[in-house]
Amino acid sequence: MEQVNRSELRKKIMTILYQISIYKKNKIEYDIENIIKEVTLVENEFVKDIVYGVITYENEIIELANKYLNNWTIDRLGNTDAAILKIGIYELVYTDIPPAIAINEAIELAKIYSDDNVKKMINATLDKIYHERENNE
């Protein structure tokens, strides 16, 4: 079986989080496991860890995003952009993934799926969170 790299897996995670946000907004019942299976087709711990992590810490992630999005809030971002930002914040704050990788991966996704202004916003937000955490350690 082909080993899917983590950048590809993050695209899948983004898709999963995007779908969940659509279901939530439309008050449609959903099963996280089913959505993960539909999108990934194979069991993958990395995908599960991040999807469940983002969902578990979503309120904290949204709070952090809103704190650093200049004159903006995460709910004003498109679902895809919000998913990218949530993944970036989750990886930055709640995992041991090196910060440079967490930020870079989010930016790479934003280059593909977000417009230039949103890409800059995501980059700036993750950068601020990273620097605040560095200063507090």
C-alpha atoms as a PDB file:
ATOM      1  CA  MET A   1       0.000   0.000   0.000  1.00  0.00           C
ATOM      2  CA  GLU A   2       1.265   3.432  -0.929  1.00  0.00           C
ATOM      3  CA  GLN A   3       2.420   5.534   1.981  1.00  0.00           C
ATOM      4  CA  VAL A   4       0.562   8.828   1.770  1.00  0.00           C
ATOM      5  CA  ASN A   5       2.695  11.713   2.961  1.00  0.00           C
ATOM      6  CA  ARG A   6       1.516  14.029   5.694  1.00  0.00           C
ATOM      7  CA  SER A   7       0.963  16.956   3.338  1.00  0.00           C
ATOM      8  CA  GLU A   8      -1.522  14.810   1.424  1.00  0.00           C
ATOM      9  CA  LEU A   9      -3.084  13.683   4.692  1.00  0.00           C
ATOM     10  CA  ARG A  10      -3.539  17.310   5.762  1.00  0.00           C
ATOM     11  CA  LYS A  11      -5.555  17.896   2.575  1.00  0.00           C
ATOM     12  CA  LYS A  12      -7.787  15.031   3.646  1.00  0.00           C
ATOM     13  CA  ILE A  13      -8.047  16.433   7.192  1.00  0.00           C
ATOM     14  CA  MET A  14      -8.999  19.809   5.730  1.00  0.00           C
ATOM     15  CA  THR A  15     -11.712  18.101   3.646  1.00  0.00           C
ATOM     16  CA  ILE A  16     -13.039  16.240   6.687  1.00  0.00           C
ATOM     17  CA  LEU A  17     -13.167  19.405   8.812  1.00  0.00           C
ATOM     18  CA  TYR A  18     -14.782  21.268   5.917  1.00  0.00           C
ATOM     19  CA  GLN A  19     -17.520  18.615   5.657  1.00  0.00           C
ATOM     20  CA  ILE A  20     -18.122  18.644   9.406  1.00  0.00           C
ATOM     21  CA  SER A  21     -18.490  22.441   9.368  1.00  0.00           C
ATOM     22  CA  ILE A  22     -21.062  22.200   6.553  1.00  0.00           C
ATOM     23  CA  TYR A  23     -23.029  19.549   8.465  1.00  0.00           C
ATOM     24  CA  LYS A  24     -22.922  21.634  11.641  1.00  0.00           C
ATOM     25  CA  LYS A  25     -24.062  24.815   9.888  1.00  0.00           C
ATOM     26  CA  ASN A  26     -26.958  22.956   8.283  1.00  0.00           C
ATOM     27  CA  LYS A  27     -27.758  21.040  11.484  1.00  0.00           C
ATOM     28  CA  ILE A  28     -27.279  17.704   9.727  1.00  0.00           C
ATOM     29  CA  GLU A  29     -26.358  14.751  11.928  1.00  0.00           C
ATOM     30  CA  TYR A  30     -23.011  13.234  11.129  1.00  0.00           C
ATOM     31  CA  ASP A  31     -20.643  10.558  12.330  1.00  0.00           C
ATOM     32  CA  ILE A  32     -16.998  11.634  12.452  1.00  0.00           C
ATOM     33  CA  GLU A  33     -15.747   8.097  11.864  1.00  0.00           C
ATOM     34  CA  ASN A  34     -17.849   7.760   8.710  1.00  0.00           C
ATOM     35  CA  ILE A  35     -16.622  11.063   7.326  1.00  0.00           C
ATOM     36  CA  ILE A  36     -13.009  10.061   8.032  1.00  0.00           C
ATOM     37  CA  LYS A  37     -13.560   6.690   6.292  1.00  0.00           C
ATOM     38  CA  GLU A  38     -15.229   8.326   3.272  1.00  0.00           C
ATOM     39  CA  VAL A  39     -12.360  10.755   2.805  1.00  0.00           C
ATOM     40  CA  THR A  40      -9.310   8.651   3.707  1.00  0.00           C
ATOM     41  CA  LEU A  41     -10.425   5.145   2.695  1.00  0.00           C
ATOM     42  CA  VAL A  42      -7.756   3.685   4.997  1.00  0.00           C
ATOM     43  CA  GLU A  43      -7.247   3.810   8.737  1.00  0.00           C
ATOM     44  CA  ASN A  44      -4.775   6.502   9.590  1.00  0.00           C
ATOM     45  CA  GLU A  45      -3.839   7.544  13.118  1.00  0.00           C
ATOM     46  CA  PHE A  46      -2.380  10.893  12.047  1.00  0.00           C
ATOM     47  CA  VAL A  47      -5.667  11.879  10.395  1.00  0.00           C
ATOM     48  CA  LYS A  48      -7.738  10.703  13.367  1.00  0.00           C
ATOM     49  CA  ASP A  49      -5.475  12.431  15.894  1.00  0.00           C
ATOM     50  CA  ILE A  50      -5.712  15.774  14.157  1.00  0.00           C
ATOM     51  CA  VAL A  51      -9.422  15.604  13.294  1.00  0.00           C
ATOM     52  CA  TYR A  52     -10.384  14.620  16.828  1.00  0.00           C
ATOM     53  CA  GLY A  53      -7.867  17.066  18.282  1.00  0.00           C
ATOM     54  CA  VAL A  54      -9.301  19.983  16.335  1.00  0.00           C
ATOM     55  CA  ILE A  55     -12.835  18.969  17.311  1.00  0.00           C
ATOM     56  CA  THR A  56     -11.889  18.494  20.976  1.00  0.00           C
ATOM     57  CA  TYR A  57     -10.129  21.853  21.273  1.00  0.00           C
ATOM     58  CA  GLU A  58     -12.267  23.725  18.753  1.00  0.00           C
ATOM     59  CA  ASN A  59     -13.463  26.401  21.205  1.00  0.00           C
ATOM     60  CA  GLU A  60      -9.916  27.132  22.359  1.00  0.00           C
ATOM     61  CA  ILE A  61      -8.676  27.115  18.755  1.00  0.00           C
ATOM     62  CA  ILE A  62     -11.407  29.537  17.670  1.00  0.00           C
ATOM     63  CA  GLU A  63     -10.641  31.789  20.631  1.00  0.00           C
ATOM     64  CA  LEU A  64      -6.942  31.867  19.724  1.00  0.00           C
ATOM     65  CA  ALA A  65      -7.708  32.479  16.054  1.00  0.00           C
ATOM     66  CA  ASN A  66     -10.036  35.368  16.871  1.00  0.00           C
ATOM     67  CA  LYS A  67      -7.486  36.875  19.244  1.00  0.00           C
ATOM     68  CA  TYR A  68      -4.910  37.135  16.454  1.00  0.00           C
ATOM     69  CA  LEU A  69      -6.997  37.678  13.328  1.00  0.00           C
ATOM     70  CA  ASN A  70      -6.757  41.443  12.961  1.00  0.00           C
ATOM     71  CA  ASN A  71     -10.243  42.978  12.980  1.00  0.00           C
ATOM     72  CA  TRP A  72     -11.602  39.669  11.765  1.00  0.00           C
ATOM     73  CA  THR A  73     -13.082  36.455  13.168  1.00  0.00           C
ATOM     74  CA  ILE A  74     -12.617  32.874  12.051  1.00  0.00           C
ATOM     75  CA  ASP A  75     -16.341  32.471  11.350  1.00  0.00           C
ATOM     76  CA  ARG A  76     -16.001  35.091   8.603  1.00  0.00           C
ATOM     77  CA  LEU A  77     -13.477  32.903   6.791  1.00  0.00           C
ATOM     78  CA  GLY A  78     -14.665  30.374   4.256  1.00  0.00           C
ATOM     79  CA  ASN A  79     -15.047  26.815   5.558  1.00  0.00           C
ATOM     80  CA  THR A  80     -11.885  25.693   3.778  1.00  0.00           C
ATOM     81  CA  ASP A  81      -9.828  28.615   5.080  1.00  0.00           C
ATOM     82  CA  ALA A  82     -11.146  28.086   8.606  1.00  0.00           C
ATOM     83  CA  ALA A  83     -10.261  24.373   8.407  1.00  0.00           C
ATOM     84  CA  ILE A  84      -6.699  25.212   7.318  1.00  0.00           C
ATOM     85  CA  LEU A  85      -6.285  27.707  10.153  1.00  0.00           C
ATOM     86  CA  LYS A  86      -7.710  25.279  12.719  1.00  0.00           C
ATOM     87  CA  ILE A  87      -5.310  22.535  11.618  1.00  0.00           C
ATOM     88  CA  GLY A  88      -2.386  24.967  11.830  1.00  0.00           C
ATOM     89  CA  ILE A  89      -3.335  26.202  15.286  1.00  0.00           C
ATOM     90  CA  TYR A  90      -3.981  22.678  16.547  1.00  0.00           C
ATOM     91  CA  GLU A  91      -0.609  21.435  15.305  1.00  0.00           C
ATOM     92  CA  LEU A  92       1.157  24.495  16.678  1.00  0.00           C
ATOM     93  CA  VAL A  93      -0.411  24.444  20.132  1.00  0.00           C
ATOM     94  CA  TYR A  94      -1.400  20.857  20.889  1.00  0.00           C
ATOM     95  CA  THR A  95       1.124  18.614  19.131  1.00  0.00           C
ATOM     96  CA  ASP A  96       4.868  18.130  19.151  1.00  0.00           C
ATOM     97  CA  ILE A  97       5.072  18.798  15.414  1.00  0.00           C
ATOM     98  CA  PRO A  98       7.870  21.371  14.983  1.00  0.00           C
ATOM     99  CA  PRO A  99       6.319  24.872  14.717  1.00  0.00           C
ATOM    100  CA  ALA A 100       8.048  25.623  11.401  1.00  0.00           C
ATOM    101  CA  ILE A 101       6.477  22.516   9.878  1.00  0.00           C
ATOM    102  CA  ALA A 102       3.014  23.209  11.332  1.00  0.00           C
ATOM    103  CA  ILE A 103       3.056  26.771   9.969  1.00  0.00           C
ATOM    104  CA  ASN A 104       4.580  25.819   6.621  1.00  0.00           C
ATOM    105  CA  GLU A 105       2.059  23.026   6.033  1.00  0.00           C
ATOM    106  CA  ALA A 106      -0.849  25.399   6.720  1.00  0.00           C
ATOM    107  CA  ILE A 107       0.639  27.962   4.326  1.00  0.00           C
ATOM    108  CA  GLU A 108       1.119  25.306   1.634  1.00  0.00           C
ATOM    109  CA  LEU A 109      -2.569  24.358   1.932  1.00  0.00           C
ATOM    110  CA  ALA A 110      -3.550  28.030   1.868  1.00  0.00           C
ATOM    111  CA  LYS A 111      -1.488  28.550  -1.314  1.00  0.00           C
ATOM    112  CA  ILE A 112      -3.641  25.924  -3.023  1.00  0.00           C
ATOM    113  CA  TYR A 113      -7.069  26.603  -1.514  1.00  0.00           C
ATOM    114  CA  SER A 114      -7.147  30.190  -0.248  1.00  0.00           C
ATOM    115  CA  ASP A 115      -6.829  33.540  -1.921  1.00  0.00           C
ATOM    116  CA  ASP A 116      -3.766  35.670  -1.298  1.00  0.00           C
ATOM    117  CA  ASN A 117      -5.278  37.856   1.427  1.00  0.00           C
ATOM    118  CA  VAL A 118      -6.519  34.871   3.393  1.00  0.00           C
ATOM    119  CA  LYS A 119      -3.174  33.112   2.950  1.00  0.00           C
ATOM    120  CA  LYS A 120      -1.455  36.162   4.475  1.00  0.00           C
ATOM    121  CA  MET A 121      -4.016  36.252   7.288  1.00  0.00           C
ATOM    122  CA  ILE A 122      -3.440  32.572   8.112  1.00  0.00           C
ATOM    123  CA  ASN A 123       0.328  33.064   8.018  1.00  0.00           C
ATOM    124  CA  ALA A 124       0.205  36.163  10.257  1.00  0.00           C
ATOM    125  CA  THR A 125      -2.140  34.509  12.758  1.00  0.00           C
ATOM    126  CA  LEU A 126      -0.015  31.361  13.105  1.00  0.00           C
ATOM    127  CA  ASP A 127       3.119  33.476  13.322  1.00  0.00           C
ATOM    128  CA  LYS A 128       1.696  35.579  16.180  1.00  0.00           C
ATOM    129  CA  ILE A 129       0.541  32.486  18.080  1.00  0.00           C
ATOM    130  CA  TYR A 130       3.971  30.918  17.630  1.00  0.00           C
ATOM    131  CA  HIS A 131       5.816  34.013  18.870  1.00  0.00           C
ATOM    132  CA  GLU A 132       3.554  34.482  21.862  1.00  0.00           C
ATOM    133  CA  ARG A 133       4.109  30.857  22.864  1.00  0.00           C
ATOM    134  CA  GLU A 134       7.890  31.232  22.413  1.00  0.00           C
ATOM    135  CA  ASN A 135       7.894  34.306  24.654  1.00  0.00           C
ATOM    136  CA  ASN A 136       5.888  32.529  27.341  1.00  0.00           C
ATOM    137  CA  GLU A 137       8.169  29.512  27.578  1.00  0.00           C
END
